[in-house]
Amino acid sequence: MIGGNESCTAGPIPMSYLTCLTYVLGEWTGVEHIEDYLSYAVYLLWVLFPLAVVFLLPGVLIILFYTSILLLHIYKRKNELKEAYSNDFWDGARQMLATLWDGHGRIWHGFKILLDAHGVMHGPKEECVGALKKGCLIAVAPGGVREALFSDEMYTIIWGNRKGFAQVAIDAKVPIIPMFTQNVREGVRTLGGIKILKSLYERIRWPIVPVYGGFPVKLRTFIGEPIPYEPNITAEELTAKTKAALQALIEKHQKIPGNIFRALMERFQTHKKED
């Protein structure tokens, strides 16, 4: 065995650093042919590294998302913190800790502060109708979490029986403007095709579906023709009209099935704007 002060290059046949390290590791662990195990470990690392990178970006985005909420919560209470620090340093420190833990609780149990900062409404229907009557625009995703998790590169519309958005438009007497973003399914993908994950969501409403991607694909948002208000239309009929209009946008502007590589290459293509 090589002593602590001996060199791997000593002797008639010099050894490379990696060979020397492998030899020392084998002698230290007592495992024979340890270089075979190391080669297998390097192979696994080479195979799994791209997969790890793909899942890394969504994880970083989630961390940034939570950090943004926490900073917003602290900013919201900045006047209280200033007053506490002006009176006593340790009182300010206690207030800061209390704010941090209070922010953690708010983040863990909901995203109300972030939603408020971006003008997101929680409902109910009366609040949405009131905002529309005041002239505000409201963006609605009828598919919600279910469509976000379980739709795929085929761009299937998953709305279920949801028609509340149509009733809101009828009550407010406003048109519905369909919108579609090209390649949106190529930017971020999910493993929603796994049946057990979908079953768990339908039973307990937990969105425990792995997300991967964050690919810098080309995104274009297309605005469809407004669906005008009709006094005698029902919510079911208006929902069907909206779904048909959205499906027409998908068929016109999206190549199906979606392809991540093609969507990436579209960033380098020039498109003439449509009238």
C-alpha atoms as a PDB file:
ATOM      1  CA  MET A   1       0.000   0.000   0.000  1.00  0.00           C
ATOM      2  CA  ILE A   2       1.190   3.546  -0.747  1.00  0.00           C
ATOM      3  CA  GLY A   3       2.388   5.417   2.301  1.00  0.00           C
ATOM      4  CA  GLY A   4       1.300   8.908   3.229  1.00  0.00           C
ATOM      5  CA  ASN A   5       4.548  10.486   1.941  1.00  0.00           C
ATOM      6  CA  GLU A   6       4.997   8.282  -1.140  1.00  0.00           C
ATOM      7  CA  SER A   7       4.280   9.519  -4.648  1.00  0.00           C
ATOM      8  CA  CYS A   8       2.161   7.700  -7.223  1.00  0.00           C
ATOM      9  CA  THR A   9       4.831   8.489  -9.810  1.00  0.00           C
ATOM     10  CA  ALA A  10       7.526   6.718  -7.838  1.00  0.00           C
ATOM     11  CA  GLY A  11       8.780   3.429  -9.241  1.00  0.00           C
ATOM     12  CA  PRO A  12       9.440   2.149 -12.757  1.00  0.00           C
ATOM     13  CA  ILE A  13       5.880   2.814 -14.060  1.00  0.00           C
ATOM     14  CA  PRO A  14       4.446   6.290 -13.290  1.00  0.00           C
ATOM     15  CA  MET A  15       0.699   6.364 -12.524  1.00  0.00           C
ATOM     16  CA  SER A  16      -1.823   9.034 -13.481  1.00  0.00           C
ATOM     17  CA  TYR A  17      -3.536  10.958 -10.717  1.00  0.00           C
ATOM     18  CA  LEU A  18      -6.921   9.253 -11.292  1.00  0.00           C
ATOM     19  CA  THR A  19      -5.318   5.816 -11.397  1.00  0.00           C
ATOM     20  CA  CYS A  20      -3.492   6.603  -8.192  1.00  0.00           C
ATOM     21  CA  LEU A  21      -6.687   7.858  -6.548  1.00  0.00           C
ATOM     22  CA  THR A  22      -8.553   4.720  -7.606  1.00  0.00           C
ATOM     23  CA  TYR A  23      -5.769   2.531  -6.239  1.00  0.00           C
ATOM     24  CA  VAL A  24      -5.690   4.353  -2.896  1.00  0.00           C
ATOM     25  CA  LEU A  25      -9.505   4.241  -2.629  1.00  0.00           C
ATOM     26  CA  GLY A  26      -9.471   0.506  -3.338  1.00  0.00           C
ATOM     27  CA  GLU A  27      -6.816  -0.115  -0.721  1.00  0.00           C
ATOM     28  CA  TRP A  28      -8.653   2.033   1.824  1.00  0.00           C
ATOM     29  CA  THR A  29     -12.072   0.423   1.316  1.00  0.00           C
ATOM     30  CA  GLY A  30     -10.842  -3.082   0.650  1.00  0.00           C
ATOM     31  CA  VAL A  31     -13.137  -3.378  -2.399  1.00  0.00           C
ATOM     32  CA  GLU A  32     -11.660  -5.313  -5.302  1.00  0.00           C
ATOM     33  CA  HIS A  33     -11.947  -3.914  -8.833  1.00  0.00           C
ATOM     34  CA  ILE A  34     -13.306  -0.654  -7.478  1.00  0.00           C
ATOM     35  CA  GLU A  35     -12.591   0.987 -10.828  1.00  0.00           C
ATOM     36  CA  ASP A  36     -15.533  -0.965 -12.295  1.00  0.00           C
ATOM     37  CA  TYR A  37     -17.904   0.492  -9.689  1.00  0.00           C
ATOM     38  CA  LEU A  38     -16.529   3.981 -10.282  1.00  0.00           C
ATOM     39  CA  SER A  39     -16.996   3.616 -14.031  1.00  0.00           C
ATOM     40  CA  TYR A  40     -20.605   2.582 -13.469  1.00  0.00           C
ATOM     41  CA  ALA A  41     -21.162   5.568 -11.168  1.00  0.00           C
ATOM     42  CA  VAL A  42     -19.712   7.932 -13.784  1.00  0.00           C
ATOM     43  CA  TYR A  43     -21.987   6.368 -16.418  1.00  0.00           C
ATOM     44  CA  LEU A  44     -25.071   6.897 -14.215  1.00  0.00           C
ATOM     45  CA  LEU A  45     -24.021  10.502 -13.612  1.00  0.00           C
ATOM     46  CA  TRP A  46     -23.637  11.051 -17.357  1.00  0.00           C
ATOM     47  CA  VAL A  47     -27.081   9.568 -18.040  1.00  0.00           C
ATOM     48  CA  LEU A  48     -28.958  11.312 -15.209  1.00  0.00           C
ATOM     49  CA  PHE A  49     -27.283  14.724 -15.406  1.00  0.00           C
ATOM     50  CA  PRO A  50     -29.544  16.082 -18.202  1.00  0.00           C
ATOM     51  CA  LEU A  51     -32.598  14.894 -16.273  1.00  0.00           C
ATOM     52  CA  ALA A  52     -31.364  16.651 -13.135  1.00  0.00           C
ATOM     53  CA  VAL A  53     -30.806  19.884 -15.082  1.00  0.00           C
ATOM     54  CA  VAL A  54     -34.326  19.687 -16.561  1.00  0.00           C
ATOM     55  CA  PHE A  55     -35.880  19.477 -13.089  1.00  0.00           C
ATOM     56  CA  LEU A  56     -33.498  22.047 -11.593  1.00  0.00           C
ATOM     57  CA  LEU A  57     -34.921  25.162 -13.280  1.00  0.00           C
ATOM     58  CA  PRO A  58     -38.527  24.621 -12.094  1.00  0.00           C
ATOM     59  CA  GLY A  59     -37.155  24.136  -8.580  1.00  0.00           C
ATOM     60  CA  VAL A  60     -35.223  27.408  -8.803  1.00  0.00           C
ATOM     61  CA  LEU A  61     -38.351  29.172 -10.090  1.00  0.00           C
ATOM     62  CA  ILE A  62     -40.358  27.880  -7.123  1.00  0.00           C
ATOM     63  CA  ILE A  63     -37.699  29.150  -4.698  1.00  0.00           C
ATOM     64  CA  LEU A  64     -37.723  32.569  -6.376  1.00  0.00           C
ATOM     65  CA  PHE A  65     -41.514  32.546  -6.299  1.00  0.00           C
ATOM     66  CA  TYR A  66     -41.621  31.982  -2.532  1.00  0.00           C
ATOM     67  CA  THR A  67     -38.819  34.493  -1.965  1.00  0.00           C
ATOM     68  CA  SER A  68     -40.771  37.134  -3.897  1.00  0.00           C
ATOM     69  CA  ILE A  69     -43.829  36.562  -1.714  1.00  0.00           C
ATOM     70  CA  LEU A  70     -41.749  36.860   1.460  1.00  0.00           C
ATOM     71  CA  LEU A  71     -40.166  40.126   0.287  1.00  0.00           C
ATOM     72  CA  LEU A  72     -43.592  41.524  -0.587  1.00  0.00           C
ATOM     73  CA  HIS A  73     -44.860  40.616   2.873  1.00  0.00           C
ATOM     74  CA  ILE A  74     -41.901  42.364   4.546  1.00  0.00           C
ATOM     75  CA  TYR A  75     -42.341  45.424   2.319  1.00  0.00           C
ATOM     76  CA  LYS A  76     -46.014  45.554   3.259  1.00  0.00           C
ATOM     77  CA  ARG A  77     -45.029  45.888   6.920  1.00  0.00           C
ATOM     78  CA  LYS A  78     -42.036  48.196   6.397  1.00  0.00           C
ATOM     79  CA  ASN A  79     -43.557  51.086   8.360  1.00  0.00           C
ATOM     80  CA  GLU A  80     -44.112  48.881  11.431  1.00  0.00           C
ATOM     81  CA  LEU A  81     -40.515  47.660  11.216  1.00  0.00           C
ATOM     82  CA  LYS A  82     -39.119  51.189  10.855  1.00  0.00           C
ATOM     83  CA  GLU A  83     -41.021  52.325  13.930  1.00  0.00           C
ATOM     84  CA  ALA A  84     -39.878  49.297  15.934  1.00  0.00           C
ATOM     85  CA  TYR A  85     -36.210  49.820  15.018  1.00  0.00           C
ATOM     86  CA  SER A  86     -36.425  53.544  15.796  1.00  0.00           C
ATOM     87  CA  ASN A  87     -37.608  52.785  19.345  1.00  0.00           C
ATOM     88  CA  ASP A  88     -35.343  49.874  20.232  1.00  0.00           C
ATOM     89  CA  PHE A  89     -32.932  47.700  18.252  1.00  0.00           C
ATOM     90  CA  TRP A  90     -33.983  44.408  19.844  1.00  0.00           C
ATOM     91  CA  ASP A  91     -37.644  45.298  19.546  1.00  0.00           C
ATOM     92  CA  GLY A  92     -37.040  45.819  15.818  1.00  0.00           C
ATOM     93  CA  ALA A  93     -35.231  42.483  15.613  1.00  0.00           C
ATOM     94  CA  ARG A  94     -38.162  40.713  17.290  1.00  0.00           C
ATOM     95  CA  GLN A  95     -40.576  42.433  14.909  1.00  0.00           C
ATOM     96  CA  MET A  96     -38.444  41.327  11.947  1.00  0.00           C
ATOM     97  CA  LEU A  97     -38.447  37.702  13.129  1.00  0.00           C
ATOM     98  CA  ALA A  98     -42.180  37.847  13.737  1.00  0.00           C
ATOM     99  CA  THR A  99     -42.662  39.245  10.227  1.00  0.00           C
ATOM    100  CA  LEU A 100     -40.505  36.503   8.695  1.00  0.00           C
ATOM    101  CA  TRP A 101     -42.404  33.705  10.441  1.00  0.00           C
ATOM    102  CA  ASP A 102     -45.742  35.326   9.734  1.00  0.00           C
ATOM    103  CA  GLY A 103     -44.706  35.588   6.083  1.00  0.00           C
ATOM    104  CA  HIS A 104     -43.673  31.936   6.080  1.00  0.00           C
ATOM    105  CA  GLY A 105     -47.098  30.959   7.378  1.00  0.00           C
ATOM    106  CA  ARG A 106     -48.857  33.053   4.764  1.00  0.00           C
ATOM    107  CA  ILE A 107     -46.700  31.596   1.991  1.00  0.00           C
ATOM    108  CA  TRP A 108     -47.213  28.038   3.203  1.00  0.00           C
ATOM    109  CA  HIS A 109     -50.975  28.340   3.412  1.00  0.00           C
ATOM    110  CA  GLY A 110     -51.593  30.544   0.389  1.00  0.00           C
ATOM    111  CA  PHE A 111     -50.321  33.158  -2.022  1.00  0.00           C
ATOM    112  CA  LYS A 112     -52.772  35.956  -1.210  1.00  0.00           C
ATOM    113  CA  ILE A 113     -50.150  38.683  -0.894  1.00  0.00           C
ATOM    114  CA  LEU A 114     -48.594  37.876  -4.278  1.00  0.00           C
ATOM    115  CA  LEU A 115     -52.013  37.677  -5.876  1.00  0.00           C
ATOM    116  CA  ASP A 116     -52.998  41.025  -4.353  1.00  0.00           C
ATOM    117  CA  ALA A 117     -49.812  42.650  -5.644  1.00  0.00           C
ATOM    118  CA  HIS A 118     -50.648  41.551  -9.196  1.00  0.00           C
ATOM    119  CA  GLY A 119     -54.348  42.379  -9.029  1.00  0.00           C
ATOM    120  CA  VAL A 120     -55.510  38.753  -8.973  1.00  0.00           C
ATOM    121  CA  MET A 121     -59.069  38.321  -7.740  1.00  0.00           C
ATOM    122  CA  HIS A 122     -60.179  35.438  -5.558  1.00  0.00           C
ATOM    123  CA  GLY A 123     -63.846  35.772  -6.513  1.00  0.00           C
ATOM    124  CA  PRO A 124     -66.680  35.350  -5.720  1.00  0.00           C
ATOM    125  CA  LYS A 125     -68.759  35.812  -8.873  1.00  0.00           C
ATOM    126  CA  GLU A 126     -70.229  39.108  -7.663  1.00  0.00           C
ATOM    127  CA  GLU A 127     -66.757  40.637  -7.301  1.00  0.00           C
ATOM    128  CA  CYS A 128     -65.832  39.637 -10.861  1.00  0.00           C
ATOM    129  CA  VAL A 129     -69.098  41.001 -12.247  1.00  0.00           C
ATOM    130  CA  GLY A 130     -68.560  44.274 -10.378  1.00  0.00           C
ATOM    131  CA  ALA A 131     -65.018  44.640 -11.763  1.00  0.00           C
ATOM    132  CA  LEU A 132     -66.226  44.029 -15.316  1.00  0.00           C
ATOM    133  CA  LYS A 133     -69.004  46.587 -14.954  1.00  0.00           C
ATOM    134  CA  LYS A 134     -66.379  49.127 -13.879  1.00  0.00           C
ATOM    135  CA  GLY A 135     -64.566  48.562 -17.169  1.00  0.00           C
ATOM    136  CA  CYS A 136     -61.816  46.257 -15.922  1.00  0.00           C
ATOM    137  CA  LEU A 137     -60.501  43.352 -17.965  1.00  0.00           C
ATOM    138  CA  ILE A 138     -60.420  39.943 -16.283  1.00  0.00           C
ATOM    139  CA  ALA A 139     -58.296  37.050 -17.526  1.00  0.00           C
ATOM    140  CA  VAL A 140     -59.783  33.632 -16.747  1.00  0.00           C
ATOM    141  CA  ALA A 141     -58.289  30.148 -17.184  1.00  0.00           C
ATOM    142  CA  PRO A 142     -61.359  27.884 -17.074  1.00  0.00           C
ATOM    143  CA  GLY A 143     -59.238  24.716 -17.025  1.00  0.00           C
ATOM    144  CA  GLY A 144     -57.427  25.829 -13.871  1.00  0.00           C
ATOM    145  CA  VAL A 145     -54.962  23.515 -12.172  1.00  0.00           C
ATOM    146  CA  ARG A 146     -56.408  20.395 -13.808  1.00  0.00           C
ATOM    147  CA  GLU A 147     -55.668  21.603 -17.331  1.00  0.00           C
ATOM    148  CA  ALA A 148     -52.269  22.982 -16.307  1.00  0.00           C
ATOM    149  CA  LEU A 149     -51.198  19.602 -14.923  1.00  0.00           C
ATOM    150  CA  PHE A 150     -52.848  17.089 -17.232  1.00  0.00           C
ATOM    151  CA  SER A 151     -53.043  18.676 -20.669  1.00  0.00           C
ATOM    152  CA  ASP A 152     -50.134  17.741 -22.925  1.00  0.00           C
ATOM    153  CA  GLU A 153     -48.489  18.409 -26.279  1.00  0.00           C
ATOM    154  CA  MET A 154     -51.770  17.535 -28.022  1.00  0.00           C
ATOM    155  CA  TYR A 155     -53.238  20.780 -26.590  1.00  0.00           C
ATOM    156  CA  THR A 156     -56.474  19.167 -25.492  1.00  0.00           C
ATOM    157  CA  ILE A 157     -58.887  21.582 -23.817  1.00  0.00           C
ATOM    158  CA  ILE A 158     -59.743  20.248 -20.343  1.00  0.00           C
ATOM    159  CA  TRP A 159     -62.513  22.374 -18.870  1.00  0.00           C
ATOM    160  CA  GLY A 160     -64.820  19.701 -17.519  1.00  0.00           C
ATOM    161  CA  ASN A 161     -68.225  21.203 -16.725  1.00  0.00           C
ATOM    162  CA  ARG A 162     -66.914  24.626 -15.769  1.00  0.00           C
ATOM    163  CA  LYS A 163     -69.087  27.430 -17.062  1.00  0.00           C
ATOM    164  CA  GLY A 164     -68.905  30.010 -14.267  1.00  0.00           C
ATOM    165  CA  PHE A 165     -66.815  32.361 -16.419  1.00  0.00           C
ATOM    166  CA  ALA A 166     -69.606  32.385 -19.022  1.00  0.00           C
ATOM    167  CA  GLN A 167     -72.224  33.223 -16.405  1.00  0.00           C
ATOM    168  CA  VAL A 168     -70.057  36.090 -15.157  1.00  0.00           C
ATOM    169  CA  ALA A 169     -69.806  37.500 -18.699  1.00  0.00           C
ATOM    170  CA  ILE A 170     -73.585  37.198 -19.138  1.00  0.00           C
ATOM    171  CA  ASP A 171     -74.328  38.912 -15.826  1.00  0.00           C
ATOM    172  CA  ALA A 172     -71.864  41.728 -16.589  1.00  0.00           C
ATOM    173  CA  LYS A 173     -73.143  41.999 -20.198  1.00  0.00           C
ATOM    174  CA  VAL A 174     -69.635  41.966 -21.654  1.00  0.00           C
ATOM    175  CA  PRO A 175     -68.006  40.030 -24.510  1.00  0.00           C
ATOM    176  CA  ILE A 176     -65.525  37.183 -24.084  1.00  0.00           C
ATOM    177  CA  ILE A 177     -62.179  37.520 -25.891  1.00  0.00           C
ATOM    178  CA  PRO A 178     -60.481  34.135 -26.507  1.00  0.00           C
ATOM    179  CA  MET A 179     -56.683  33.998 -26.230  1.00  0.00           C
ATOM    180  CA  PHE A 180     -54.101  31.315 -26.978  1.00  0.00           C
ATOM    181  CA  THR A 181     -50.321  31.232 -26.452  1.00  0.00           C
ATOM    182  CA  GLN A 182     -48.423  29.208 -29.022  1.00  0.00           C
ATOM    183  CA  ASN A 183     -45.905  26.625 -27.675  1.00  0.00           C
ATOM    184  CA  VAL A 184     -47.032  27.165 -24.082  1.00  0.00           C
ATOM    185  CA  ARG A 185     -46.943  23.386 -23.510  1.00  0.00           C
ATOM    186  CA  GLU A 186     -43.366  23.172 -24.759  1.00  0.00           C
ATOM    187  CA  GLY A 187     -41.984  25.657 -22.243  1.00  0.00           C
ATOM    188  CA  VAL A 188     -42.887  23.544 -19.228  1.00  0.00           C
ATOM    189  CA  ARG A 189     -43.951  19.904 -19.282  1.00  0.00           C
ATOM    190  CA  THR A 190     -45.522  17.745 -16.580  1.00  0.00           C
ATOM    191  CA  LEU A 191     -45.742  14.036 -15.845  1.00  0.00           C
ATOM    192  CA  GLY A 192     -49.530  14.285 -15.743  1.00  0.00           C
ATOM    193  CA  GLY A 193     -49.852  11.270 -18.030  1.00  0.00           C
ATOM    194  CA  ILE A 194     -49.184   8.974 -15.060  1.00  0.00           C
ATOM    195  CA  LYS A 195     -52.646   7.663 -14.137  1.00  0.00           C
ATOM    196  CA  ILE A 196     -52.026   7.305 -10.402  1.00  0.00           C
ATOM    197  CA  LEU A 197     -51.089  11.005 -10.147  1.00  0.00           C
ATOM    198  CA  LYS A 198     -54.292  12.020 -11.887  1.00  0.00           C
ATOM    199  CA  SER A 199     -56.319   9.714  -9.629  1.00  0.00           C
ATOM    200  CA  LEU A 200     -54.717  11.266  -6.551  1.00  0.00           C
ATOM    201  CA  TYR A 201     -55.555  14.757  -7.784  1.00  0.00           C
ATOM    202  CA  GLU A 202     -59.177  13.870  -8.501  1.00  0.00           C
ATOM    203  CA  ARG A 203     -59.565  12.301  -5.038  1.00  0.00           C
ATOM    204  CA  ILE A 204     -57.678  14.642  -2.731  1.00  0.00           C
ATOM    205  CA  ARG A 205     -57.035  17.679  -4.976  1.00  0.00           C
ATOM    206  CA  TRP A 206     -53.288  17.661  -4.300  1.00  0.00           C
ATOM    207  CA  PRO A 207     -51.268  18.890  -7.320  1.00  0.00           C
ATOM    208  CA  ILE A 208     -48.421  16.426  -6.696  1.00  0.00           C
ATOM    209  CA  VAL A 209     -47.415  16.156 -10.355  1.00  0.00           C
ATOM    210  CA  PRO A 210     -43.689  16.601 -11.163  1.00  0.00           C
ATOM    211  CA  VAL A 211     -42.929  19.540 -13.444  1.00  0.00           C
ATOM    212  CA  TYR A 212     -39.852  19.821 -15.646  1.00  0.00           C
ATOM    213  CA  GLY A 213     -38.546  22.132 -18.323  1.00  0.00           C
ATOM    214  CA  GLY A 214     -38.397  25.896 -18.290  1.00  0.00           C
ATOM    215  CA  PHE A 215     -37.206  25.685 -21.890  1.00  0.00           C
ATOM    216  CA  PRO A 216     -36.689  29.061 -23.646  1.00  0.00           C
ATOM    217  CA  VAL A 217     -39.124  28.312 -26.451  1.00  0.00           C
ATOM    218  CA  LYS A 218     -40.718  30.912 -28.693  1.00  0.00           C
ATOM    219  CA  LEU A 219     -44.047  32.069 -27.258  1.00  0.00           C
ATOM    220  CA  ARG A 220     -46.644  34.059 -29.211  1.00  0.00           C
ATOM    221  CA  THR A 221     -50.029  35.041 -27.847  1.00  0.00           C
ATOM    222  CA  PHE A 222     -52.912  35.306 -30.306  1.00  0.00           C
ATOM    223  CA  ILE A 223     -56.109  37.241 -29.610  1.00  0.00           C
ATOM    224  CA  GLY A 224     -59.286  35.919 -31.172  1.00  0.00           C
ATOM    225  CA  GLU A 225     -62.402  37.757 -32.273  1.00  0.00           C
ATOM    226  CA  PRO A 226     -64.610  38.877 -29.347  1.00  0.00           C
ATOM    227  CA  ILE A 227     -67.701  36.780 -28.682  1.00  0.00           C
ATOM    228  CA  PRO A 228     -70.377  39.446 -28.221  1.00  0.00           C
ATOM    229  CA  TYR A 229     -72.890  39.528 -25.400  1.00  0.00           C
ATOM    230  CA  GLU A 230     -76.293  38.076 -26.255  1.00  0.00           C
ATOM    231  CA  PRO A 231     -79.151  38.679 -23.806  1.00  0.00           C
ATOM    232  CA  ASN A 232     -80.879  35.337 -24.431  1.00  0.00           C
ATOM    233  CA  ILE A 233     -77.824  33.056 -24.450  1.00  0.00           C
ATOM    234  CA  THR A 234     -77.280  30.496 -21.662  1.00  0.00           C
ATOM    235  CA  ALA A 235     -74.028  29.837 -19.828  1.00  0.00           C
ATOM    236  CA  GLU A 236     -73.795  26.377 -21.454  1.00  0.00           C
ATOM    237  CA  GLU A 237     -74.143  27.851 -24.941  1.00  0.00           C
ATOM    238  CA  LEU A 238     -71.629  30.615 -24.288  1.00  0.00           C
ATOM    239  CA  THR A 239     -69.153  28.076 -22.878  1.00  0.00           C
ATOM    240  CA  ALA A 240     -69.495  25.961 -26.030  1.00  0.00           C
ATOM    241  CA  LYS A 241     -68.943  29.032 -28.207  1.00  0.00           C
ATOM    242  CA  THR A 242     -65.847  30.033 -26.251  1.00  0.00           C
ATOM    243  CA  LYS A 243     -64.392  26.537 -26.395  1.00  0.00           C
ATOM    244  CA  ALA A 244     -64.969  26.383 -30.156  1.00  0.00           C
ATOM    245  CA  ALA A 245     -63.289  29.777 -30.631  1.00  0.00           C
ATOM    246  CA  LEU A 246     -60.279  28.685 -28.560  1.00  0.00           C
ATOM    247  CA  GLN A 247     -60.050  25.385 -30.447  1.00  0.00           C
ATOM    248  CA  ALA A 248     -59.994  27.355 -33.715  1.00  0.00           C
ATOM    249  CA  LEU A 249     -57.066  29.440 -32.434  1.00  0.00           C
ATOM    250  CA  ILE A 250     -55.173  26.278 -31.464  1.00  0.00           C
ATOM    251  CA  GLU A 251     -55.741  24.643 -34.848  1.00  0.00           C
ATOM    252  CA  LYS A 252     -54.674  27.795 -36.687  1.00  0.00           C
ATOM    253  CA  HIS A 253     -51.537  28.697 -34.737  1.00  0.00           C
ATOM    254  CA  GLN A 254     -50.233  25.501 -33.100  1.00  0.00           C
ATOM    255  CA  LYS A 255     -48.506  22.558 -34.768  1.00  0.00           C
ATOM    256  CA  ILE A 256     -49.801  19.395 -33.131  1.00  0.00           C
ATOM    257  CA  PRO A 257     -48.293  17.451 -31.519  1.00  0.00           C
ATOM    258  CA  GLY A 258     -46.110  20.105 -29.940  1.00  0.00           C
ATOM    259  CA  ASN A 259     -42.356  19.612 -30.131  1.00  0.00           C
ATOM    260  CA  ILE A 260     -39.827  21.184 -27.757  1.00  0.00           C
ATOM    261  CA  PHE A 261     -36.954  21.248 -30.270  1.00  0.00           C
ATOM    262  CA  ARG A 262     -39.126  22.826 -32.971  1.00  0.00           C
ATOM    263  CA  ALA A 263     -40.386  25.435 -30.508  1.00  0.00           C
ATOM    264  CA  LEU A 264     -36.789  26.271 -29.564  1.00  0.00           C
ATOM    265  CA  MET A 265     -35.786  26.653 -33.212  1.00  0.00           C
ATOM    266  CA  GLU A 266     -38.678  29.031 -33.802  1.00  0.00           C
ATOM    267  CA  ARG A 267     -36.839  31.602 -31.678  1.00  0.00           C
ATOM    268  CA  PHE A 268     -34.426  32.013 -34.602  1.00  0.00           C
ATOM    269  CA  GLN A 269     -37.100  32.289 -37.276  1.00  0.00           C
ATOM    270  CA  THR A 270     -38.649  35.549 -38.396  1.00  0.00           C
ATOM    271  CA  HIS A 271     -42.402  35.754 -38.782  1.00  0.00           C
ATOM    272  CA  LYS A 272     -44.332  38.477 -40.522  1.00  0.00           C
ATOM    273  CA  LYS A 273     -46.953  39.922 -38.230  1.00  0.00           C
ATOM    274  CA  GLU A 274     -50.505  39.101 -39.215  1.00  0.00           C
ATOM    275  CA  ASP A 275     -53.051  41.886 -39.682  1.00  0.00           C
END
